[in-house]
Amino acid sequence: MKSNASKGCLYFFGGLFLLGLLIEYAIPLAIGCALIGGGYYLYRRLRYPLLRDQSLADQIELLKARIAQADGDIRQLETVLGKKGEGAYRTLAQQVLIELDAIHKEANRLKQYLQEGIYDRIDKKIRSTRASIKIQLERLDAPTSDSFFQRESSTLDPELSQTLDNISIDHETILKKIKTSKSSDQAELLAIHERDMERFQNILQGYLAIKASPKDFYNAEERMNQARAAIFQFDLDLDEVLRKLNEAEMHDFDVNLRIFDKKKPQDDF
């Protein structure tokens, strides 16, 4: 009997000991986990308010649909100028620009809910497309480069006039090559070339202004010589740009040529 009583006492005090451990450690730990989990849930609700809106997935799908529609309009824009003229191009271009701005704002609002990298691709595509459209609209508003070059070359000496003709031809060729290229940097290349042409035209106009009335400017002869040198150098720079564009078009040619050379039977010695 004493043995059973002793065992009962041991079980009783052991149970009390385990209960004390449970009260001291397990219950506070469970409460702490519950508080952390609840705090994280509250943080998510406050940090991402759209998660309270069950239509978040619908908003993302709507954004995708608007992007697809804009892509179709952009493809149509690429052909409308030649088919329907400047008026139709301007109308559609303005509509596309408005839609791109709206898509950009919506994508920025949903940025934190989009998969990684998607917003960056949307942002880059919109910026490049918008720049390309604006450049084309500016080009439609400006005098044609042919008329500009023809008007200015008639007032220059034969050497400079020939250089100006070369620049005119190179300029038009570069524009065509960039527009028909498959490069993802098409808009950026167009923007760079347009900036270079603006600088060149500024130099040419300054040269003509000094040449027309040298006495009205300081260091007229020196500045005219510098302008002539810059014009000749710009002609060479455009030649280099054309070479690079031509080489870019020859990528497939070079790849196929290497493949052909590898397949060519070798001479036995």
C-alpha atoms as a PDB file:
ATOM      1  CA  MET A   1       0.000   0.000   0.000  1.00  0.00           C
ATOM      2  CA  LYS A   2       2.838   2.336   0.885  1.00  0.00           C
ATOM      3  CA  SER A   3       4.396   1.637  -2.535  1.00  0.00           C
ATOM      4  CA  ASN A   4       1.192   2.558  -4.339  1.00  0.00           C
ATOM      5  CA  ALA A   5       0.781   5.658  -2.214  1.00  0.00           C
ATOM      6  CA  SER A   6       4.346   6.711  -3.011  1.00  0.00           C
ATOM      7  CA  LYS A   7       3.748   6.243  -6.729  1.00  0.00           C
ATOM      8  CA  GLY A   8       0.558   8.256  -6.497  1.00  0.00           C
ATOM      9  CA  CYS A   9       2.392  11.078  -4.800  1.00  0.00           C
ATOM     10  CA  LEU A  10       5.091  11.018  -7.470  1.00  0.00           C
ATOM     11  CA  TYR A  11       2.491  11.153 -10.270  1.00  0.00           C
ATOM     12  CA  PHE A  12       0.690  13.972  -8.502  1.00  0.00           C
ATOM     13  CA  PHE A  13       3.758  16.121  -7.970  1.00  0.00           C
ATOM     14  CA  GLY A  14       5.046  15.267 -11.504  1.00  0.00           C
ATOM     15  CA  GLY A  15       1.778  16.444 -12.970  1.00  0.00           C
ATOM     16  CA  LEU A  16       1.959  19.662 -10.977  1.00  0.00           C
ATOM     17  CA  PHE A  17       5.517  20.203 -12.248  1.00  0.00           C
ATOM     18  CA  LEU A  18       4.507  19.699 -15.888  1.00  0.00           C
ATOM     19  CA  LEU A  19       1.497  21.964 -15.414  1.00  0.00           C
ATOM     20  CA  GLY A  20       3.799  24.634 -14.031  1.00  0.00           C
ATOM     21  CA  LEU A  21       6.093  24.354 -17.068  1.00  0.00           C
ATOM     22  CA  LEU A  22       3.080  24.584 -19.363  1.00  0.00           C
ATOM     23  CA  ILE A  23       1.819  27.715 -17.624  1.00  0.00           C
ATOM     24  CA  GLU A  24       5.275  29.300 -17.519  1.00  0.00           C
ATOM     25  CA  TYR A  25       6.479  28.591 -21.098  1.00  0.00           C
ATOM     26  CA  ALA A  26       3.993  26.957 -23.492  1.00  0.00           C
ATOM     27  CA  ILE A  27       1.000  29.234 -22.967  1.00  0.00           C
ATOM     28  CA  PRO A  28       3.040  32.522 -23.271  1.00  0.00           C
ATOM     29  CA  LEU A  29       4.728  31.089 -26.367  1.00  0.00           C
ATOM     30  CA  ALA A  30       1.361  30.324 -27.937  1.00  0.00           C
ATOM     31  CA  ILE A  31       0.070  33.770 -27.052  1.00  0.00           C
ATOM     32  CA  GLY A  32       3.221  35.359 -28.563  1.00  0.00           C
ATOM     33  CA  CYS A  33       2.812  33.418 -31.823  1.00  0.00           C
ATOM     34  CA  ALA A  34      -0.829  34.478 -32.003  1.00  0.00           C
ATOM     35  CA  LEU A  35       0.120  38.115 -31.479  1.00  0.00           C
ATOM     36  CA  ILE A  36       2.844  37.959 -34.141  1.00  0.00           C
ATOM     37  CA  GLY A  37       0.544  36.284 -36.646  1.00  0.00           C
ATOM     38  CA  GLY A  38      -2.228  38.774 -35.942  1.00  0.00           C
ATOM     39  CA  GLY A  39       0.187  41.693 -36.190  1.00  0.00           C
ATOM     40  CA  TYR A  40       1.512  40.491 -39.544  1.00  0.00           C
ATOM     41  CA  TYR A  41      -2.045  40.080 -40.842  1.00  0.00           C
ATOM     42  CA  LEU A  42      -2.908  43.596 -39.669  1.00  0.00           C
ATOM     43  CA  TYR A  43       0.283  44.931 -41.292  1.00  0.00           C
ATOM     44  CA  ARG A  44      -0.620  43.296 -44.598  1.00  0.00           C
ATOM     45  CA  ARG A  45      -4.110  44.771 -44.443  1.00  0.00           C
ATOM     46  CA  LEU A  46      -2.781  48.257 -43.787  1.00  0.00           C
ATOM     47  CA  ARG A  47       0.265  48.077 -46.105  1.00  0.00           C
ATOM     48  CA  TYR A  48      -1.649  46.550 -49.026  1.00  0.00           C
ATOM     49  CA  PRO A  49      -5.184  47.948 -48.843  1.00  0.00           C
ATOM     50  CA  LEU A  50      -6.171  46.442 -52.201  1.00  0.00           C
ATOM     51  CA  LEU A  51      -5.949  42.995 -50.631  1.00  0.00           C
ATOM     52  CA  ARG A  52      -9.221  43.854 -48.900  1.00  0.00           C
ATOM     53  CA  ASP A  53     -10.746  44.200 -52.350  1.00  0.00           C
ATOM     54  CA  GLN A  54     -11.747  40.880 -53.820  1.00  0.00           C
ATOM     55  CA  SER A  55     -11.569  42.419 -57.330  1.00  0.00           C
ATOM     56  CA  LEU A  56      -7.756  42.779 -57.293  1.00  0.00           C
ATOM     57  CA  ALA A  57      -7.345  39.890 -59.733  1.00  0.00           C
ATOM     58  CA  ASP A  58      -9.972  41.490 -61.974  1.00  0.00           C
ATOM     59  CA  GLN A  59      -8.059  44.798 -61.909  1.00  0.00           C
ATOM     60  CA  ILE A  60      -4.852  43.066 -62.993  1.00  0.00           C
ATOM     61  CA  GLU A  61      -6.689  41.237 -65.784  1.00  0.00           C
ATOM     62  CA  LEU A  62      -8.192  44.540 -66.920  1.00  0.00           C
ATOM     63  CA  LEU A  63      -4.701  46.058 -67.017  1.00  0.00           C
ATOM     64  CA  LYS A  64      -3.527  43.164 -69.198  1.00  0.00           C
ATOM     65  CA  ALA A  65      -6.469  43.693 -71.549  1.00  0.00           C
ATOM     66  CA  ARG A  66      -5.720  47.430 -71.841  1.00  0.00           C
ATOM     67  CA  ILE A  67      -2.080  46.667 -72.642  1.00  0.00           C
ATOM     68  CA  ALA A  68      -3.133  44.190 -75.349  1.00  0.00           C
ATOM     69  CA  GLN A  69      -5.505  46.779 -76.848  1.00  0.00           C
ATOM     70  CA  ALA A  70      -2.765  49.424 -76.793  1.00  0.00           C
ATOM     71  CA  ASP A  71      -0.378  47.016 -78.554  1.00  0.00           C
ATOM     72  CA  GLY A  72      -2.924  46.645 -81.339  1.00  0.00           C
ATOM     73  CA  ASP A  73      -3.296  50.420 -81.647  1.00  0.00           C
ATOM     74  CA  ILE A  74       0.491  50.841 -81.765  1.00  0.00           C
ATOM     75  CA  ARG A  75       0.786  48.279 -84.569  1.00  0.00           C
ATOM     76  CA  GLN A  76      -1.970  50.108 -86.449  1.00  0.00           C
ATOM     77  CA  LEU A  77      -0.131  53.391 -85.854  1.00  0.00           C
ATOM     78  CA  GLU A  78       2.932  52.020 -87.623  1.00  0.00           C
ATOM     79  CA  THR A  79       1.000  51.704 -90.899  1.00  0.00           C
ATOM     80  CA  VAL A  80      -1.614  54.456 -90.679  1.00  0.00           C
ATOM     81  CA  LEU A  81       0.743  57.257 -91.748  1.00  0.00           C
ATOM     82  CA  GLY A  82       1.429  55.691 -95.144  1.00  0.00           C
ATOM     83  CA  LYS A  83      -2.139  54.495 -95.690  1.00  0.00           C
ATOM     84  CA  LYS A  84      -4.288  57.355 -94.351  1.00  0.00           C
ATOM     85  CA  GLY A  85      -1.972  60.345 -94.085  1.00  0.00           C
ATOM     86  CA  GLU A  86      -0.744  62.740 -91.401  1.00  0.00           C
ATOM     87  CA  GLY A  87      -4.177  63.712 -90.063  1.00  0.00           C
ATOM     88  CA  ALA A  88      -5.168  60.142 -89.244  1.00  0.00           C
ATOM     89  CA  TYR A  89      -1.747  59.514 -87.721  1.00  0.00           C
ATOM     90  CA  ARG A  90      -1.974  62.556 -85.441  1.00  0.00           C
ATOM     91  CA  THR A  91      -5.472  61.596 -84.248  1.00  0.00           C
ATOM     92  CA  LEU A  92      -4.556  58.001 -83.460  1.00  0.00           C
ATOM     93  CA  ALA A  93      -1.193  59.009 -81.981  1.00  0.00           C
ATOM     94  CA  GLN A  94      -2.864  61.346 -79.480  1.00  0.00           C
ATOM     95  CA  GLN A  95      -5.317  58.602 -78.498  1.00  0.00           C
ATOM     96  CA  VAL A  96      -2.457  56.135 -78.004  1.00  0.00           C
ATOM     97  CA  LEU A  97      -0.464  58.614 -75.901  1.00  0.00           C
ATOM     98  CA  ILE A  98      -3.472  59.205 -73.633  1.00  0.00           C
ATOM     99  CA  GLU A  99      -4.018  55.456 -73.257  1.00  0.00           C
ATOM    100  CA  LEU A 100      -0.315  54.840 -72.528  1.00  0.00           C
ATOM    101  CA  ASP A 101      -0.398  57.472 -69.778  1.00  0.00           C
ATOM    102  CA  ALA A 102      -3.463  55.814 -68.237  1.00  0.00           C
ATOM    103  CA  ILE A 103      -1.865  52.359 -68.410  1.00  0.00           C
ATOM    104  CA  HIS A 104       1.339  53.710 -66.869  1.00  0.00           C
ATOM    105  CA  LYS A 105      -0.567  55.184 -63.916  1.00  0.00           C
ATOM    106  CA  GLU A 106      -2.610  52.004 -63.408  1.00  0.00           C
ATOM    107  CA  ALA A 107       0.489  49.792 -63.597  1.00  0.00           C
ATOM    108  CA  ASN A 108       2.225  52.019 -61.070  1.00  0.00           C
ATOM    109  CA  ARG A 109      -0.795  51.719 -58.727  1.00  0.00           C
ATOM    110  CA  LEU A 110      -0.759  47.923 -58.999  1.00  0.00           C
ATOM    111  CA  LYS A 111       3.046  47.662 -59.063  1.00  0.00           C
ATOM    112  CA  GLN A 112       3.350  45.943 -55.683  1.00  0.00           C
ATOM    113  CA  TYR A 113       0.892  43.217 -56.686  1.00  0.00           C
ATOM    114  CA  LEU A 114       2.483  42.351 -60.049  1.00  0.00           C
ATOM    115  CA  GLN A 115       5.000  39.570 -60.473  1.00  0.00           C
ATOM    116  CA  GLU A 116       8.642  40.586 -60.214  1.00  0.00           C
ATOM    117  CA  GLY A 117       9.950  42.256 -63.369  1.00  0.00           C
ATOM    118  CA  ILE A 118       6.563  42.782 -65.033  1.00  0.00           C
ATOM    119  CA  TYR A 119       6.212  46.419 -64.015  1.00  0.00           C
ATOM    120  CA  ASP A 120       9.755  47.191 -65.206  1.00  0.00           C
ATOM    121  CA  ARG A 121       8.966  45.724 -68.645  1.00  0.00           C
ATOM    122  CA  ILE A 122       5.720  47.695 -68.848  1.00  0.00           C
ATOM    123  CA  ASP A 123       7.504  50.883 -67.781  1.00  0.00           C
ATOM    124  CA  LYS A 124      10.330  50.460 -70.320  1.00  0.00           C
ATOM    125  CA  LYS A 125       7.950  49.619 -73.189  1.00  0.00           C
ATOM    126  CA  ILE A 126       5.670  52.589 -72.482  1.00  0.00           C
ATOM    127  CA  ARG A 127       8.560  55.049 -72.207  1.00  0.00           C
ATOM    128  CA  SER A 128      10.213  53.888 -75.436  1.00  0.00           C
ATOM    129  CA  THR A 129       6.929  53.811 -77.390  1.00  0.00           C
ATOM    130  CA  ARG A 130       5.895  57.218 -76.101  1.00  0.00           C
ATOM    131  CA  ALA A 131       9.281  58.685 -77.098  1.00  0.00           C
ATOM    132  CA  SER A 132       9.041  57.167 -80.590  1.00  0.00           C
ATOM    133  CA  ILE A 133       5.540  58.577 -81.161  1.00  0.00           C
ATOM    134  CA  LYS A 134       6.512  62.042 -79.942  1.00  0.00           C
ATOM    135  CA  ILE A 135       9.578  62.078 -82.183  1.00  0.00           C
ATOM    136  CA  GLN A 136       7.407  61.199 -85.183  1.00  0.00           C
ATOM    137  CA  LEU A 137       4.914  63.958 -84.304  1.00  0.00           C
ATOM    138  CA  GLU A 138       7.753  66.480 -83.977  1.00  0.00           C
ATOM    139  CA  ARG A 139       9.097  65.362 -87.343  1.00  0.00           C
ATOM    140  CA  LEU A 140       5.699  65.943 -88.952  1.00  0.00           C
ATOM    141  CA  ASP A 141       5.606  69.457 -87.495  1.00  0.00           C
ATOM    142  CA  ALA A 142       9.134  70.325 -88.645  1.00  0.00           C
ATOM    143  CA  PRO A 143      10.174  71.222 -92.208  1.00  0.00           C
ATOM    144  CA  THR A 144      11.347  68.212 -94.170  1.00  0.00           C
ATOM    145  CA  SER A 145      15.067  67.606 -93.964  1.00  0.00           C
ATOM    146  CA  ASP A 146      15.319  67.560 -97.751  1.00  0.00           C
ATOM    147  CA  SER A 147      13.970  71.095 -98.057  1.00  0.00           C
ATOM    148  CA  PHE A 148      16.219  72.265 -95.223  1.00  0.00           C
ATOM    149  CA  PHE A 149      19.366  70.835 -96.794  1.00  0.00           C
ATOM    150  CA  GLN A 150      18.508  72.026-100.285  1.00  0.00           C
ATOM    151  CA  ARG A 151      17.839  75.554 -99.068  1.00  0.00           C
ATOM    152  CA  GLU A 152      21.039  75.802 -97.037  1.00  0.00           C
ATOM    153  CA  SER A 153      23.404  74.062 -99.478  1.00  0.00           C
ATOM    154  CA  SER A 154      22.629  76.646-102.169  1.00  0.00           C
ATOM    155  CA  THR A 155      24.418  79.322-100.087  1.00  0.00           C
ATOM    156  CA  LEU A 156      27.619  77.320 -99.418  1.00  0.00           C
ATOM    157  CA  ASP A 157      30.869  76.847-101.289  1.00  0.00           C
ATOM    158  CA  PRO A 158      31.124  73.689-103.459  1.00  0.00           C
ATOM    159  CA  GLU A 159      33.129  71.640-100.918  1.00  0.00           C
ATOM    160  CA  LEU A 160      30.795  72.351 -98.023  1.00  0.00           C
ATOM    161  CA  SER A 161      27.754  72.000-100.276  1.00  0.00           C
ATOM    162  CA  GLN A 162      28.865  68.481-101.270  1.00  0.00           C
ATOM    163  CA  THR A 163      29.394  67.586 -97.622  1.00  0.00           C
ATOM    164  CA  LEU A 164      25.905  68.830 -96.821  1.00  0.00           C
ATOM    165  CA  ASP A 165      24.456  66.668 -99.592  1.00  0.00           C
ATOM    166  CA  ASN A 166      26.291  63.651 -98.154  1.00  0.00           C
ATOM    167  CA  ILE A 167      24.899  64.386 -94.689  1.00  0.00           C
ATOM    168  CA  SER A 168      21.379  64.669 -96.114  1.00  0.00           C
ATOM    169  CA  ILE A 169      21.643  61.270 -97.804  1.00  0.00           C
ATOM    170  CA  ASP A 170      23.164  59.639 -94.711  1.00  0.00           C
ATOM    171  CA  HIS A 171      20.506  61.168 -92.483  1.00  0.00           C
ATOM    172  CA  GLU A 172      17.622  59.747 -94.503  1.00  0.00           C
ATOM    173  CA  THR A 173      19.314  56.346 -94.789  1.00  0.00           C
ATOM    174  CA  ILE A 174      19.922  56.177 -91.041  1.00  0.00           C
ATOM    175  CA  LEU A 175      16.291  57.052 -90.305  1.00  0.00           C
ATOM    176  CA  LYS A 176      15.039  54.287 -92.599  1.00  0.00           C
ATOM    177  CA  LYS A 177      17.405  51.710 -91.136  1.00  0.00           C
ATOM    178  CA  ILE A 178      16.468  52.533 -87.552  1.00  0.00           C
ATOM    179  CA  LYS A 179      12.728  52.468 -88.318  1.00  0.00           C
ATOM    180  CA  THR A 180      12.963  49.069 -90.016  1.00  0.00           C
ATOM    181  CA  SER A 181      15.347  47.538 -87.488  1.00  0.00           C
ATOM    182  CA  LYS A 182      14.198  44.873 -85.029  1.00  0.00           C
ATOM    183  CA  SER A 183      16.246  46.353 -82.212  1.00  0.00           C
ATOM    184  CA  SER A 184      14.563  46.810 -78.842  1.00  0.00           C
ATOM    185  CA  ASP A 185      16.432  50.137 -78.594  1.00  0.00           C
ATOM    186  CA  GLN A 186      14.790  51.607 -81.710  1.00  0.00           C
ATOM    187  CA  ALA A 187      13.245  54.576 -79.891  1.00  0.00           C
ATOM    188  CA  GLU A 188      16.502  55.319 -78.091  1.00  0.00           C
ATOM    189  CA  LEU A 189      18.491  55.189 -81.353  1.00  0.00           C
ATOM    190  CA  LEU A 190      16.016  57.559 -82.996  1.00  0.00           C
ATOM    191  CA  ALA A 191      16.235  59.967 -80.078  1.00  0.00           C
ATOM    192  CA  ILE A 192      20.052  59.969 -80.156  1.00  0.00           C
ATOM    193  CA  HIS A 193      20.145  60.564 -83.907  1.00  0.00           C
ATOM    194  CA  GLU A 194      17.590  63.373 -83.682  1.00  0.00           C
ATOM    195  CA  ARG A 195      19.653  65.091 -80.966  1.00  0.00           C
ATOM    196  CA  ASP A 196      22.784  64.797 -83.113  1.00  0.00           C
ATOM    197  CA  MET A 197      20.952  66.295 -86.082  1.00  0.00           C
ATOM    198  CA  GLU A 198      19.682  69.188 -83.950  1.00  0.00           C
ATOM    199  CA  ARG A 199      23.231  69.976 -82.828  1.00  0.00           C
ATOM    200  CA  PHE A 200      24.473  69.805 -86.411  1.00  0.00           C
ATOM    201  CA  GLN A 201      21.727  72.107 -87.681  1.00  0.00           C
ATOM    202  CA  ASN A 202      22.498  74.563 -84.873  1.00  0.00           C
ATOM    203  CA  ILE A 203      26.150  74.639 -85.936  1.00  0.00           C
ATOM    204  CA  LEU A 204      25.236  75.040 -89.603  1.00  0.00           C
ATOM    205  CA  GLN A 205      22.821  77.884 -88.907  1.00  0.00           C
ATOM    206  CA  GLY A 206      25.427  79.622 -86.745  1.00  0.00           C
ATOM    207  CA  TYR A 207      27.989  79.235 -89.533  1.00  0.00           C
ATOM    208  CA  LEU A 208      25.599  80.740 -92.075  1.00  0.00           C
ATOM    209  CA  ALA A 209      24.746  83.636 -89.758  1.00  0.00           C
ATOM    210  CA  ILE A 210      28.423  84.531 -89.272  1.00  0.00           C
ATOM    211  CA  LYS A 211      29.184  84.012 -92.971  1.00  0.00           C
ATOM    212  CA  ALA A 212      26.357  86.380 -93.952  1.00  0.00           C
ATOM    213  CA  SER A 213      27.748  89.221 -91.793  1.00  0.00           C
ATOM    214  CA  PRO A 214      31.215  88.509 -90.311  1.00  0.00           C
ATOM    215  CA  LYS A 215      31.657  92.066 -89.022  1.00  0.00           C
ATOM    216  CA  ASP A 216      28.767  91.581 -86.602  1.00  0.00           C
ATOM    217  CA  PHE A 217      30.491  88.758 -84.677  1.00  0.00           C
ATOM    218  CA  TYR A 218      33.644  88.357 -82.591  1.00  0.00           C
ATOM    219  CA  ASN A 219      36.370  86.063 -83.960  1.00  0.00           C
ATOM    220  CA  ALA A 220      34.279  85.448 -87.056  1.00  0.00           C
ATOM    221  CA  GLU A 221      36.958  83.717 -89.137  1.00  0.00           C
ATOM    222  CA  GLU A 222      38.076  81.425 -86.318  1.00  0.00           C
ATOM    223  CA  ARG A 223      34.519  80.405 -85.453  1.00  0.00           C
ATOM    224  CA  MET A 224      33.646  79.774 -89.098  1.00  0.00           C
ATOM    225  CA  ASN A 225      36.694  77.507 -89.444  1.00  0.00           C
ATOM    226  CA  GLN A 226      35.667  75.621 -86.326  1.00  0.00           C
ATOM    227  CA  ALA A 227      32.131  75.232 -87.679  1.00  0.00           C
ATOM    228  CA  ARG A 228      33.410  73.936 -91.029  1.00  0.00           C
ATOM    229  CA  ALA A 229      35.606  71.389 -89.253  1.00  0.00           C
ATOM    230  CA  ALA A 230      32.640  70.274 -87.126  1.00  0.00           C
ATOM    231  CA  ILE A 231      30.455  69.845 -90.238  1.00  0.00           C
ATOM    232  CA  PHE A 232      33.094  67.761 -92.008  1.00  0.00           C
ATOM    233  CA  GLN A 233      33.533  65.649 -88.869  1.00  0.00           C
ATOM    234  CA  PHE A 234      29.776  65.142 -88.555  1.00  0.00           C
ATOM    235  CA  ASP A 235      29.734  63.753 -92.089  1.00  0.00           C
ATOM    236  CA  LEU A 236      32.359  61.193 -91.019  1.00  0.00           C
ATOM    237  CA  ASP A 237      30.431  60.425 -87.832  1.00  0.00           C
ATOM    238  CA  LEU A 238      27.299  59.616 -89.834  1.00  0.00           C
ATOM    239  CA  ASP A 239      29.354  57.309 -92.045  1.00  0.00           C
ATOM    240  CA  GLU A 240      30.420  55.444 -88.892  1.00  0.00           C
ATOM    241  CA  VAL A 241      26.815  55.232 -87.645  1.00  0.00           C
ATOM    242  CA  LEU A 242      25.782  53.742 -90.976  1.00  0.00           C
ATOM    243  CA  ARG A 243      28.569  51.176 -90.813  1.00  0.00           C
ATOM    244  CA  LYS A 244      27.415  50.090 -87.349  1.00  0.00           C
ATOM    245  CA  LEU A 245      23.797  49.802 -88.470  1.00  0.00           C
ATOM    246  CA  ASN A 246      24.854  47.811 -91.526  1.00  0.00           C
ATOM    247  CA  GLU A 247      26.963  45.490 -89.381  1.00  0.00           C
ATOM    248  CA  ALA A 248      24.015  44.926 -87.043  1.00  0.00           C
ATOM    249  CA  GLU A 249      21.966  43.789 -90.056  1.00  0.00           C
ATOM    250  CA  MET A 250      24.709  41.319 -91.012  1.00  0.00           C
ATOM    251  CA  HIS A 251      24.453  39.265 -87.811  1.00  0.00           C
ATOM    252  CA  ASP A 252      22.444  36.448 -89.432  1.00  0.00           C
ATOM    253  CA  PHE A 253      24.760  36.530 -92.439  1.00  0.00           C
ATOM    254  CA  ASP A 254      27.836  36.036 -90.243  1.00  0.00           C
ATOM    255  CA  VAL A 255      26.203  33.233 -88.251  1.00  0.00           C
ATOM    256  CA  ASN A 256      25.144  31.365 -91.385  1.00  0.00           C
ATOM    257  CA  LEU A 257      28.554  31.903 -92.949  1.00  0.00           C
ATOM    258  CA  ARG A 258      30.275  30.317 -89.940  1.00  0.00           C
ATOM    259  CA  ILE A 259      27.846  27.390 -90.034  1.00  0.00           C
ATOM    260  CA  PHE A 260      28.483  26.938 -93.755  1.00  0.00           C
ATOM    261  CA  ASP A 261      32.250  26.980 -93.229  1.00  0.00           C
ATOM    262  CA  LYS A 262      31.965  24.291 -90.550  1.00  0.00           C
ATOM    263  CA  LYS A 263      29.919  22.067 -92.846  1.00  0.00           C
ATOM    264  CA  LYS A 264      32.279  22.536 -95.788  1.00  0.00           C
ATOM    265  CA  PRO A 265      34.257  19.309 -96.412  1.00  0.00           C
ATOM    266  CA  GLN A 266      37.904  19.579 -95.408  1.00  0.00           C
ATOM    267  CA  ASP A 267      40.672  18.691 -97.880  1.00  0.00           C
ATOM    268  CA  ASP A 268      42.523  15.506 -97.034  1.00  0.00           C
ATOM    269  CA  PHE A 269      46.310  15.634 -97.046  1.00  0.00           C
END
